[in-house]
Amino acid sequence: MKINIIAGMAQNRVIGKNNTLPRHYSEDLQHFKKTTTGHIIVMGYNTYLSLGRPLPNRRNVVLSKEPMEGVEYYTSIPALMEQMKKEDVSEFFVI
């Protein structure tokens, strides 16, 4: 199974601050969309909240210690990995 990490990083190496992106470059966002569309994306609870909605045309999966209604979530990385193996998932993206 291939696990990809995709993130935009500012010059000072920040990838996020206060649940927002440190910068917005259209080219980066287009690359993110092109790269992750049609794939599984895995994110933390705060990232999910910051997005405001599931990203379209992707299977959105959230890691959260608390139950989440209407969202595919797992309470631990081992539980997530077990499910991905069960489904024979070939790759996913951590965002």
Protein backbone atom coordinates (compact mmCIF):
# COMPACT_ATOMS: atom_id res chain seq x y z
CA MET A 1 0.00 0.00 0.00
CA LYS A 2 1.33 3.41 -0.98
CA ILE A 3 0.77 6.24 1.52
CA ASN A 4 1.30 9.70 0.03
CA ILE A 5 1.57 12.93 1.98
CA ILE A 6 0.60 16.10 0.14
CA ALA A 7 0.99 19.56 1.63
CA GLY A 8 1.77 23.08 0.56
CA MET A 9 4.56 24.71 2.52
CA ALA A 10 5.45 28.37 2.94
CA GLN A 11 9.07 29.55 2.75
CA ASN A 12 9.30 29.38 6.54
CA ARG A 13 8.24 25.69 6.34
CA VAL A 14 4.77 26.29 7.81
CA ILE A 15 2.03 24.06 6.36
CA GLY A 16 -0.85 25.46 8.40
CA LYS A 17 -1.65 27.97 11.09
CA ASN A 18 -4.89 28.37 13.06
CA ASN A 19 -6.57 25.80 10.80
CA THR A 20 -5.85 27.80 7.64
CA LEU A 21 -3.32 27.54 4.85
CA PRO A 22 -0.39 29.94 5.26
CA ARG A 23 -0.75 31.00 1.62
CA HIS A 24 -3.01 30.42 -1.38
CA TYR A 25 -1.42 29.78 -4.76
CA SER A 26 -3.82 28.86 -7.51
CA GLU A 27 -1.27 26.54 -9.12
CA ASP A 28 -0.77 24.64 -5.85
CA LEU A 29 -4.51 24.24 -5.30
CA GLN A 30 -4.97 23.03 -8.89
CA HIS A 31 -2.14 20.51 -8.43
CA PHE A 32 -3.72 19.31 -5.17
CA LYS A 33 -7.10 18.86 -6.84
CA LYS A 34 -5.65 17.09 -9.89
CA THR A 35 -3.49 14.80 -7.76
CA THR A 36 -6.10 13.79 -5.15
CA THR A 37 -9.31 13.66 -7.21
CA GLY A 38 -10.58 10.11 -7.43
CA HIS A 39 -8.47 8.97 -4.48
CA ILE A 40 -8.90 8.49 -0.76
CA ILE A 41 -7.81 11.46 1.33
CA VAL A 42 -7.13 11.07 5.05
CA MET A 43 -7.10 14.04 7.38
CA GLY A 44 -7.32 14.96 11.03
CA TYR A 45 -10.39 16.31 12.76
CA ASN A 46 -9.28 19.96 12.68
CA THR A 47 -8.40 19.79 8.99
CA TYR A 48 -11.84 18.38 8.26
CA LEU A 49 -13.49 21.19 10.22
CA SER A 50 -11.35 23.82 8.48
CA LEU A 51 -12.48 22.59 5.06
CA GLY A 52 -16.12 23.15 5.98
CA ARG A 53 -17.29 20.25 3.81
CA PRO A 54 -16.00 17.00 2.33
CA LEU A 55 -13.85 17.55 -0.74
CA PRO A 56 -15.76 16.47 -3.86
CA ASN A 57 -14.83 13.47 -6.00
CA ARG A 58 -12.68 11.97 -3.26
CA ARG A 59 -13.32 9.54 -0.45
CA ASN A 60 -12.86 11.70 2.64
CA VAL A 61 -11.65 9.87 5.75
CA VAL A 62 -11.11 11.55 9.11
CA LEU A 63 -9.00 10.50 12.09
CA SER A 64 -10.88 11.54 15.21
CA LYS A 65 -10.99 10.41 18.82
CA GLU A 66 -14.67 11.32 18.96
CA PRO A 67 -17.50 9.77 16.91
CA MET A 68 -18.49 11.84 13.89
CA GLU A 69 -21.93 11.65 12.34
CA GLY A 70 -22.17 11.36 8.57
CA VAL A 71 -18.40 11.09 8.11
CA GLU A 72 -16.19 8.08 7.56
CA TYR A 73 -13.88 8.23 10.55
CA TYR A 74 -11.44 6.05 12.45
CA THR A 75 -10.30 6.55 16.02
CA SER A 76 -6.75 5.35 15.42
CA ILE A 77 -4.19 4.88 12.68
CA PRO A 78 -4.11 1.09 13.24
CA ALA A 79 -7.91 0.94 12.77
CA LEU A 80 -7.62 2.99 9.57
CA MET A 81 -4.82 0.81 8.22
CA GLU A 82 -6.70 -2.38 9.05
CA GLN A 83 -9.70 -1.16 7.04
CA MET A 84 -7.56 -0.05 4.11
CA LYS A 85 -5.88 -3.48 4.03
CA LYS A 86 -9.26 -5.19 4.28
CA GLU A 87 -10.41 -3.24 1.23
CA ASP A 88 -7.11 -3.90 -0.57
CA VAL A 89 -6.59 -0.16 -1.04
CA SER A 90 -3.51 0.45 -3.19
CA GLU A 91 -2.86 4.05 -2.11
CA PHE A 92 -4.23 7.05 -0.28
CA PHE A 93 -3.24 10.64 0.44
CA VAL A 94 -2.70 12.18 3.87
CA ILE A 95 -3.54 15.86 3.67
